[in-house]
Amino acid sequence: MKTLDRIPTGKMERAGKLVSTGVKIGGNYVKYYGKKLVNPETSKEELDRDNAEDIYDGLKSLKGSALKVAQMLSMEKNLLPRAYVEKFSLSQFSVPPLSAPLVRKTFKKYLGKYPEDIFDTFEKDSINAASIGQVHKATKDGKQLAVKIQYPGVAESISSDLALVKPVAIKMFNLKGKDSEKYFKEVEHKLMEETDYILELQQSTEITKACAVIPNMEFPEYYPELSSERILTMDWMKGIHLGEFVQTEFGSELGNRLGQALWDFYMFQIHQLRKVHADPHPGNFLVSPKGKLIAIDFGCIKEIPEEFYVPYFELAKEENINDDEVFMQKLYELEILTPTDTKEELTFFTELFKEMLSIFTSPFHKAEFDFGDDVFWSRIADLSERYSKDEQIRKMNGNRGSKHFLYINRTFFGLYNLLHDLKAKVRVGNFATQTN
């Protein structure tokens, strides 16, 4: 794969790259409508494929938060056309890596030495290159190590990148008014945290120590003396990426075991630690040769404040969803309903969230839940498709809910998708048996 000797870091240069991408997309639409004039039955699938290709190609050379947004969107399988999901999901594994000279320059700047002076061996070609950093394999004192190196300029360009992406997000998610700013600030804050490898080192150490009690989970050890704010060194973990694993033939017993470990891992964090690994895409998990689940990235950790945790999980109880008074009270506490809502908005959003929560919280209403159940997934897909085409919702303010919904909902949606890919049956309350 072609390597990068530099990454655009200036605001004007990065904006120019996105503008040229926009020009290509405009050309795709002209081509599509030209074909449609000749053949009215022309499908939008080709347009989606061309747009996804051009958007991804534009973002992958920028790296950083622009590409991270694409990675986040690739998890929203019921939000985007399949062509976008498939293309954007490549940002988990398949983007051009930094060249060897740029890697050496980064080491010299942040650890004061070149990699060959720090490690016994260091592979100059990266093993994985993603949105914010790339991973190299190294050895030291007989240990196999994974060394994550952050791309130059990523942290410094977050604010300007999000400003460029913002108009697209506002249109896609129907955000209106000044209140939408809280969501962008939340994303900016989490992305800034993800570029702080000293913080990630601390979070990784704390959470892996606490979660060591969970059966069938494994975690790498981290090395502070070989890390800095832009370089993070940990054990090299042997296994196959979860996204690749689910494409293979595996038995239901193994799928259930991995799924139970994944469910317990997340429920333990949420309910015991009140903070959670909020980036549950397949690239952050491996399946070991012994059939255990390995978590390898703790850059995105979301703390869950008490004032959000309590009403959020009270709405996971079936009896509260069915009690109109309690239900509306919790919707106000979670900022889904607001004092300025019209009668029409109150009725519409109360009914929408009652239907939505009845589906999404159904796993919590049973002792055991089958995430491979096609009926469950068809209900989610039907709801998503119906409301994505609803003209009434487009006329209303899409700013709904506390800012904490962004990463907590993302966590659950990603978790559900991974469990679905594993076709896992899980014991819902099993996590409560784990103790610190």
Protein backbone atom coordinates (compact mmCIF):
# COMPACT_ATOMS: atom_id res chain seq x y z
CA MET A 1 0.00 0.00 0.00
CA LYS A 2 1.17 3.52 -0.76
CA THR A 3 2.56 5.37 2.26
CA LEU A 4 2.17 9.02 3.22
CA ASP A 5 5.20 11.30 3.60
CA ARG A 6 3.01 14.09 4.95
CA ILE A 7 -0.54 14.78 6.09
CA PRO A 8 -2.32 18.08 5.31
CA THR A 9 -2.42 19.98 8.62
CA GLY A 10 -3.33 23.54 7.64
CA LYS A 11 -6.97 24.57 7.82
CA MET A 12 -7.01 25.92 4.24
CA GLU A 13 -5.27 22.85 2.82
CA ARG A 14 -7.67 20.46 4.58
CA ALA A 15 -10.69 22.54 3.54
CA GLY A 16 -9.43 22.53 -0.05
CA LYS A 17 -9.29 18.73 -0.01
CA LEU A 18 -12.91 18.55 1.15
CA VAL A 19 -14.01 21.10 -1.46
CA SER A 20 -12.44 19.03 -4.25
CA THR A 21 -14.26 15.99 -2.86
CA GLY A 22 -17.51 17.97 -3.01
CA VAL A 23 -16.87 18.76 -6.68
CA LYS A 24 -16.51 15.04 -7.44
CA ILE A 25 -19.79 14.30 -5.64
CA GLY A 26 -21.52 16.99 -7.68
CA GLY A 27 -20.26 15.28 -10.83
CA ASN A 28 -21.64 11.96 -9.60
CA TYR A 29 -25.11 13.50 -9.22
CA VAL A 30 -24.94 14.97 -12.75
CA LYS A 31 -24.02 11.52 -14.11
CA TYR A 32 -26.82 9.87 -12.09
CA TYR A 33 -29.55 12.26 -13.24
CA GLY A 34 -28.32 11.97 -16.83
CA LYS A 35 -28.75 8.19 -16.68
CA LYS A 36 -32.13 8.57 -15.01
CA LEU A 37 -33.39 10.72 -17.89
CA VAL A 38 -32.56 7.88 -20.27
CA ASN A 39 -33.78 5.16 -17.89
CA PRO A 40 -36.24 6.26 -15.14
CA GLU A 41 -35.69 2.91 -13.40
CA THR A 42 -32.01 3.71 -12.71
CA SER A 43 -31.17 2.75 -9.11
CA LYS A 44 -29.41 5.06 -6.62
CA GLU A 45 -27.03 2.22 -5.67
CA GLU A 46 -24.42 3.27 -8.25
CA LEU A 47 -24.65 6.89 -7.05
CA ASP A 48 -24.19 5.74 -3.43
CA ARG A 49 -21.16 3.65 -4.41
CA ASP A 50 -19.52 6.51 -6.34
CA ASN A 51 -20.19 9.04 -3.55
CA ALA A 52 -18.96 6.69 -0.83
CA GLU A 53 -15.77 6.02 -2.83
CA ASP A 54 -15.04 9.72 -3.38
CA ILE A 55 -15.85 10.76 0.19
CA TYR A 56 -13.67 7.98 1.62
CA ASP A 57 -10.78 8.77 -0.74
CA GLY A 58 -10.94 12.42 0.31
CA LEU A 59 -11.01 11.66 4.02
CA LYS A 60 -8.36 8.94 4.12
CA SER A 61 -5.57 11.32 3.10
CA LEU A 62 -6.68 13.81 5.78
CA LYS A 63 -6.86 11.19 8.55
CA GLY A 64 -7.76 12.55 11.99
CA SER A 65 -11.23 13.52 13.15
CA ALA A 66 -12.65 13.79 9.61
CA LEU A 67 -11.88 10.10 9.04
CA LYS A 68 -12.96 9.25 12.59
CA VAL A 69 -16.43 10.64 11.84
CA ALA A 70 -16.62 8.26 8.84
CA GLN A 71 -15.60 5.39 11.12
CA MET A 72 -18.34 6.33 13.60
CA LEU A 73 -20.92 6.52 10.80
CA SER A 74 -19.91 3.07 9.52
CA MET A 75 -21.38 1.63 12.73
CA GLU A 76 -24.79 3.19 11.97
CA LYS A 77 -25.89 0.32 9.72
CA ASN A 78 -29.53 1.40 9.76
CA LEU A 79 -28.77 5.07 9.08
CA LEU A 80 -26.65 5.06 5.93
CA PRO A 81 -26.95 3.23 2.59
CA ARG A 82 -24.95 -0.02 2.52
CA ALA A 83 -22.34 1.39 0.12
CA TYR A 84 -21.36 4.04 2.70
CA VAL A 85 -21.26 1.55 5.58
CA GLU A 86 -19.03 -0.83 3.63
CA LYS A 87 -16.65 1.90 2.44
CA PHE A 88 -16.47 3.87 5.70
CA SER A 89 -15.82 0.71 7.70
CA LEU A 90 -12.46 0.51 5.91
CA SER A 91 -11.34 3.41 8.12
CA GLN A 92 -10.99 0.80 10.88
CA PHE A 93 -8.19 -1.04 9.07
CA SER A 94 -7.37 0.14 5.57
CA VAL A 95 -5.96 3.63 5.15
CA PRO A 96 -2.53 4.67 3.82
CA PRO A 97 0.12 4.47 6.58
CA LEU A 98 2.84 6.99 7.40
CA SER A 99 6.16 6.49 5.65
CA ALA A 100 9.15 5.19 7.64
CA PRO A 101 10.94 8.61 7.72
CA LEU A 102 7.83 10.27 9.17
CA VAL A 103 7.53 7.52 11.80
CA ARG A 104 11.17 8.03 12.85
CA LYS A 105 10.64 11.80 13.02
CA THR A 106 7.63 11.30 15.31
CA PHE A 107 9.64 9.06 17.67
CA LYS A 108 12.49 11.54 17.85
CA LYS A 109 10.09 14.36 18.70
CA TYR A 110 8.07 12.57 21.40
CA LEU A 111 10.46 10.03 22.95
CA GLY A 112 13.78 11.73 22.18
CA LYS A 113 15.16 8.71 20.31
CA TYR A 114 14.60 6.84 17.08
CA PRO A 115 12.63 3.56 17.33
CA GLU A 116 15.67 1.41 16.57
CA ASP A 117 17.41 2.97 19.61
CA ILE A 118 14.48 2.14 21.92
CA PHE A 119 13.39 -1.36 20.87
CA ASP A 120 15.39 -4.51 20.12
CA THR A 121 13.46 -4.78 16.84
CA PHE A 122 10.97 -2.43 15.20
CA GLU A 123 9.06 -3.17 11.99
CA LYS A 124 9.10 -0.04 9.85
CA ASP A 125 5.89 -1.02 8.02
CA SER A 126 2.72 -0.59 10.06
CA ILE A 127 0.43 -3.54 10.79
CA ASN A 128 -2.71 -1.40 10.99
CA ALA A 129 -3.38 2.18 9.89
CA ALA A 130 -6.67 3.76 11.02
CA SER A 131 -8.14 7.23 11.57
CA ILE A 132 -6.00 8.68 14.37
CA GLY A 133 -2.94 6.45 14.51
CA GLN A 134 -1.16 3.38 13.17
CA VAL A 135 0.32 0.32 14.86
CA HIS A 136 3.81 -1.16 14.46
CA LYS A 137 5.15 -4.43 15.81
CA ALA A 138 8.28 -4.33 17.99
CA THR A 139 10.21 -6.44 20.52
CA LYS A 140 12.05 -5.55 23.70
CA ASP A 141 13.54 -7.80 26.39
CA GLY A 142 11.89 -10.86 24.86
CA LYS A 143 8.40 -9.33 24.74
CA GLN A 144 6.38 -8.80 21.58
CA LEU A 145 4.94 -5.29 21.59
CA ALA A 146 2.38 -3.21 19.69
CA VAL A 147 3.40 0.44 19.29
CA LYS A 148 0.66 2.92 18.36
CA ILE A 149 1.85 6.15 16.74
CA GLN A 150 -0.45 9.13 16.31
CA TYR A 151 -0.50 10.93 12.99
CA PRO A 152 1.09 14.41 13.00
CA GLY A 153 -1.31 17.32 13.29
CA VAL A 154 -4.36 15.24 14.24
CA ALA A 155 -4.91 16.83 17.66
CA GLU A 156 -4.35 20.35 16.33
CA SER A 157 -6.86 19.98 13.47
CA ILE A 158 -9.85 18.57 15.41
CA SER A 159 -11.70 21.86 15.86
CA SER A 160 -11.27 22.97 12.24
CA ASP A 161 -12.15 19.49 10.91
CA LEU A 162 -15.39 19.40 12.88
CA ALA A 163 -16.27 22.88 11.61
CA LEU A 164 -15.94 21.50 8.07
CA VAL A 165 -18.00 18.38 8.84
CA LYS A 166 -20.65 20.29 10.82
CA PRO A 167 -22.88 21.40 7.90
CA VAL A 168 -23.15 17.78 6.69
CA ALA A 169 -23.99 16.52 10.20
CA ILE A 170 -26.62 19.24 10.72
CA LYS A 171 -28.40 18.17 7.54
CA MET A 172 -28.06 14.44 8.17
CA PHE A 173 -29.33 14.54 11.75
CA ASN A 174 -31.82 17.41 11.31
CA LEU A 175 -30.22 19.62 13.96
CA LYS A 176 -31.59 23.11 14.38
CA GLY A 177 -30.84 26.12 16.56
CA LYS A 178 -28.06 26.99 18.97
CA ASP A 179 -28.67 23.94 21.19
CA SER A 180 -27.01 21.71 18.57
CA GLU A 181 -23.65 23.15 19.66
CA LYS A 182 -23.63 20.95 22.80
CA TYR A 183 -23.45 17.83 20.62
CA PHE A 184 -20.52 19.11 18.58
CA LYS A 185 -18.72 20.17 21.76
CA GLU A 186 -19.21 16.66 23.16
CA VAL A 187 -17.70 15.09 20.02
CA GLU A 188 -14.83 17.59 20.03
CA HIS A 189 -14.12 16.89 23.70
CA LYS A 190 -14.03 13.11 23.19
CA LEU A 191 -11.84 13.39 20.09
CA MET A 192 -9.40 15.59 22.01
CA GLU A 193 -9.25 12.90 24.69
CA GLU A 194 -8.59 10.24 22.06
CA THR A 195 -5.50 12.11 20.88
CA ASP A 196 -4.06 12.22 24.43
CA TYR A 197 -2.14 8.95 24.71
CA ILE A 198 -1.08 9.71 28.28
CA LEU A 199 -4.76 9.79 29.22
CA GLU A 200 -5.38 6.62 27.21
CA LEU A 201 -2.53 4.90 29.06
CA GLN A 202 -4.13 5.82 32.39
CA GLN A 203 -7.63 4.78 31.28
CA SER A 204 -6.38 1.53 29.79
CA THR A 205 -4.54 0.55 32.96
CA GLU A 206 -7.47 1.38 35.24
CA ILE A 207 -10.20 -0.32 33.22
CA THR A 208 -8.27 -3.46 32.30
CA LYS A 209 -7.34 -3.96 35.95
CA ALA A 210 -10.98 -3.58 37.04
CA CYS A 211 -12.30 -5.81 34.24
CA ALA A 212 -9.78 -8.61 34.80
CA VAL A 213 -12.49 -10.42 36.82
CA ILE A 214 -14.64 -10.95 33.69
CA PRO A 215 -14.41 -14.53 32.34
CA ASN A 216 -13.13 -15.11 28.79
CA MET A 217 -11.69 -11.59 28.47
CA GLU A 218 -8.03 -10.74 27.92
CA PHE A 219 -6.23 -7.40 27.86
CA PRO A 220 -2.72 -6.22 26.96
CA GLU A 221 -0.31 -4.80 29.51
CA TYR A 222 0.75 -1.18 28.92
CA TYR A 223 4.25 0.31 29.24
CA PRO A 224 4.49 3.94 30.51
CA GLU A 225 8.27 4.08 30.04
CA LEU A 226 7.80 3.38 26.30
CA SER A 227 4.89 5.77 25.83
CA SER A 228 4.26 9.52 25.51
CA GLU A 229 1.44 11.90 24.55
CA ARG A 230 1.63 10.68 20.91
CA ILE A 231 3.10 7.15 21.26
CA LEU A 232 1.54 4.24 23.18
CA THR A 233 3.22 0.87 23.75
CA MET A 234 1.43 -2.29 24.89
CA ASP A 235 1.68 -6.07 24.59
CA TRP A 236 1.22 -7.54 21.14
CA MET A 237 -1.94 -9.66 21.38
CA LYS A 238 -2.35 -12.64 19.06
CA GLY A 239 -5.76 -13.12 17.49
CA ILE A 240 -8.08 -12.35 14.60
CA HIS A 241 -10.05 -9.11 14.42
CA LEU A 242 -13.65 -9.64 15.48
CA GLY A 243 -14.89 -8.26 12.14
CA GLU A 244 -12.88 -10.94 10.31
CA PHE A 245 -13.81 -13.66 12.79
CA VAL A 246 -17.57 -13.25 12.25
CA GLN A 247 -17.02 -13.86 8.52
CA THR A 248 -15.70 -17.36 9.31
CA GLU A 249 -17.56 -20.53 10.27
CA PHE A 250 -17.85 -20.76 14.05
CA GLY A 251 -20.05 -22.79 16.35
CA SER A 252 -22.91 -21.40 18.45
CA GLU A 253 -21.11 -22.36 21.67
CA LEU A 254 -18.13 -20.16 20.76
CA GLY A 255 -20.37 -17.34 19.53
CA ASN A 256 -22.34 -17.43 22.78
CA ARG A 257 -19.17 -17.50 24.90
CA LEU A 258 -17.65 -14.51 23.10
CA GLY A 259 -20.97 -12.69 23.15
CA GLN A 260 -21.40 -13.27 26.88
CA ALA A 261 -17.88 -11.94 27.53
CA LEU A 262 -18.65 -8.86 25.41
CA TRP A 263 -21.98 -8.23 27.15
CA ASP A 264 -20.50 -8.69 30.64
CA PHE A 265 -17.56 -6.44 29.73
CA TYR A 266 -19.89 -3.59 28.79
CA MET A 267 -22.49 -4.05 31.53
CA PHE A 268 -19.77 -4.29 34.19
CA GLN A 269 -18.22 -1.02 33.05
CA ILE A 270 -21.54 0.81 32.82
CA HIS A 271 -23.07 -0.36 36.09
CA GLN A 272 -19.99 -0.91 38.26
CA LEU A 273 -17.47 1.64 36.97
CA ARG A 274 -19.89 4.26 35.59
CA LYS A 275 -17.56 4.73 32.63
CA VAL A 276 -17.43 2.74 29.42
CA HIS A 277 -15.34 1.85 26.38
CA ALA A 278 -17.52 3.88 23.98
CA ASP A 279 -16.02 2.68 20.69
CA PRO A 280 -17.40 -0.84 20.15
CA HIS A 281 -16.43 -1.43 16.54
CA PRO A 282 -14.87 -4.74 15.41
CA GLY A 283 -11.40 -3.24 14.99
CA ASN A 284 -11.09 -2.80 18.75
CA PHE A 285 -11.53 -6.49 19.57
CA LEU A 286 -9.64 -9.66 18.75
CA VAL A 287 -10.56 -13.31 19.17
CA SER A 288 -7.61 -15.23 20.64
CA PRO A 289 -6.51 -18.70 19.44
CA LYS A 290 -8.06 -20.05 22.67
CA GLY A 291 -11.42 -18.48 21.87
CA LYS A 292 -11.24 -15.58 24.28
CA LEU A 293 -12.15 -11.96 23.57
CA ILE A 294 -9.36 -9.36 23.63
CA ALA A 295 -10.06 -5.62 24.01
CA ILE A 296 -7.19 -3.58 22.59
CA ASP A 297 -8.16 0.10 22.45
CA PHE A 298 -9.30 2.37 25.29
CA GLY A 299 -8.91 5.77 23.66
CA CYS A 300 -12.62 6.61 23.81
CA ILE A 301 -13.92 6.28 27.37
CA LYS A 302 -17.23 7.90 28.30
CA GLU A 303 -17.93 8.72 31.94
CA ILE A 304 -21.60 8.38 32.89
CA PRO A 305 -22.80 11.03 35.36
CA GLU A 306 -25.37 10.00 37.97
CA GLU A 307 -27.99 12.50 36.74
CA PHE A 308 -27.96 10.75 33.35
CA TYR A 309 -27.39 7.16 34.48
CA VAL A 310 -30.45 7.00 36.78
CA PRO A 311 -33.22 8.16 34.39
CA TYR A 312 -31.58 6.42 31.41
CA PHE A 313 -31.72 3.00 33.02
CA GLU A 314 -35.05 3.62 34.69
CA LEU A 315 -36.37 3.89 31.11
CA ALA A 316 -34.93 0.45 30.41
CA LYS A 317 -37.58 -1.00 32.75
CA GLU A 318 -40.69 -2.22 30.96
CA GLU A 319 -43.03 -1.04 33.73
CA ASN A 320 -41.72 2.55 33.41
CA ILE A 321 -42.15 2.58 29.63
CA ASN A 322 -45.77 1.54 30.13
CA ASP A 323 -46.48 4.12 32.87
CA ASP A 324 -47.30 7.32 30.95
CA GLU A 325 -46.63 9.66 33.90
CA VAL A 326 -43.26 8.15 34.81
CA PHE A 327 -42.29 7.82 31.15
CA MET A 328 -42.86 11.52 30.37
CA GLN A 329 -41.09 12.57 33.57
CA LYS A 330 -37.96 10.63 32.51
CA LEU A 331 -38.13 12.10 29.00
CA TYR A 332 -37.98 15.59 30.51
CA GLU A 333 -35.09 14.59 32.81
CA LEU A 334 -33.16 13.31 29.78
CA GLU A 335 -33.95 16.48 27.75
CA ILE A 336 -35.85 14.51 25.12
CA LEU A 337 -38.89 16.64 25.87
CA THR A 338 -38.43 20.35 26.61
CA PRO A 339 -40.63 23.04 28.25
CA THR A 340 -40.81 24.91 24.93
CA ASP A 341 -42.25 21.98 22.95
CA THR A 342 -45.59 22.48 21.26
CA LYS A 343 -48.46 20.09 21.94
CA GLU A 344 -47.80 18.51 18.54
CA GLU A 345 -44.11 17.99 19.36
CA LEU A 346 -44.90 16.53 22.80
CA THR A 347 -47.28 13.99 21.29
CA PHE A 348 -45.02 13.11 18.35
CA PHE A 349 -41.78 12.63 20.30
CA THR A 350 -43.45 10.85 23.23
CA GLU A 351 -44.91 8.28 20.83
CA LEU A 352 -41.67 8.02 18.86
CA PHE A 353 -39.48 7.38 21.91
CA LYS A 354 -42.00 4.99 23.45
CA GLU A 355 -41.85 2.84 20.32
CA MET A 356 -38.09 3.22 20.02
CA LEU A 357 -37.36 2.37 23.66
CA SER A 358 -39.77 -0.55 23.66
CA ILE A 359 -37.59 -2.11 20.94
CA PHE A 360 -34.10 -1.08 22.06
CA THR A 361 -34.59 -1.96 25.74
CA SER A 362 -36.22 -5.35 25.04
CA PRO A 363 -32.96 -7.25 25.83
CA PHE A 364 -33.24 -5.96 29.43
CA HIS A 365 -36.74 -7.39 29.82
CA LYS A 366 -35.61 -11.03 29.66
CA ALA A 367 -33.28 -13.29 31.61
CA GLU A 368 -31.72 -14.43 28.33
CA PHE A 369 -31.73 -12.62 24.99
CA ASP A 370 -30.93 -13.89 21.51
CA PHE A 371 -29.17 -11.13 19.53
CA GLY A 372 -29.25 -13.32 16.43
CA ASP A 373 -33.05 -13.01 16.36
CA ASP A 374 -33.99 -11.65 12.93
CA VAL A 375 -37.35 -10.38 14.23
CA PHE A 376 -35.58 -8.05 16.68
CA TRP A 377 -33.35 -6.67 13.92
CA SER A 378 -36.16 -6.28 11.41
CA ARG A 379 -38.07 -4.19 13.96
CA ILE A 380 -35.03 -1.91 14.37
CA ALA A 381 -34.56 -1.62 10.59
CA ASP A 382 -38.26 -0.94 9.99
CA LEU A 383 -38.36 1.79 12.64
CA SER A 384 -35.22 3.43 11.26
CA GLU A 385 -36.45 3.36 7.67
CA ARG A 386 -39.92 4.64 8.59
CA TYR A 387 -38.69 7.66 10.54
CA SER A 388 -35.87 8.47 8.11
CA LYS A 389 -38.59 9.07 5.49
CA ASP A 390 -41.07 10.80 7.83
CA GLU A 391 -41.79 14.31 6.53
CA GLN A 392 -43.18 15.41 9.92
CA ILE A 393 -39.92 14.77 11.78
CA ARG A 394 -37.99 16.79 9.18
CA LYS A 395 -40.06 19.85 10.11
CA MET A 396 -39.32 19.56 13.81
CA ASN A 397 -36.24 20.35 15.85
CA GLY A 398 -33.95 17.29 15.84
CA ASN A 399 -32.09 18.48 18.95
CA ARG A 400 -33.39 15.81 21.30
CA GLY A 401 -31.77 14.51 24.43
CA SER A 402 -28.85 15.10 26.74
CA LYS A 403 -25.40 15.36 25.16
CA HIS A 404 -24.56 12.10 26.97
CA PHE A 405 -26.87 10.21 24.60
CA LEU A 406 -24.34 10.60 21.77
CA TYR A 407 -21.74 8.18 23.12
CA ILE A 408 -24.00 6.02 25.31
CA ASN A 409 -26.38 5.28 22.44
CA ARG A 410 -23.42 4.76 20.14
CA THR A 411 -22.06 2.26 22.67
CA PHE A 412 -25.28 0.25 22.85
CA PHE A 413 -25.88 0.36 19.11
CA GLY A 414 -22.34 -0.85 18.41
CA LEU A 415 -22.60 -3.52 21.11
CA TYR A 416 -25.89 -4.81 19.74
CA ASN A 417 -24.40 -5.02 16.24
CA LEU A 418 -21.38 -6.99 17.44
CA LEU A 419 -23.61 -9.39 19.37
CA HIS A 420 -25.81 -9.78 16.29
CA ASP A 421 -22.75 -10.60 14.17
CA LEU A 422 -21.83 -13.28 16.74
CA LYS A 423 -25.46 -14.53 16.78
CA ALA A 424 -25.00 -14.64 20.53
CA LYS A 425 -27.47 -15.63 23.22
CA VAL A 426 -26.53 -13.87 26.47
CA ARG A 427 -27.59 -14.13 30.09
CA VAL A 428 -28.58 -10.51 30.67
CA GLY A 429 -27.93 -10.28 34.43
CA ASN A 430 -24.72 -12.32 34.40
CA PHE A 431 -22.45 -9.26 34.81
CA ALA A 432 -23.82 -8.70 38.31
CA THR A 433 -21.99 -11.83 39.50
CA GLN A 434 -18.62 -10.18 38.75
CA THR A 435 -16.93 -8.45 41.68
CA ASN A 436 -13.95 -6.14 41.97
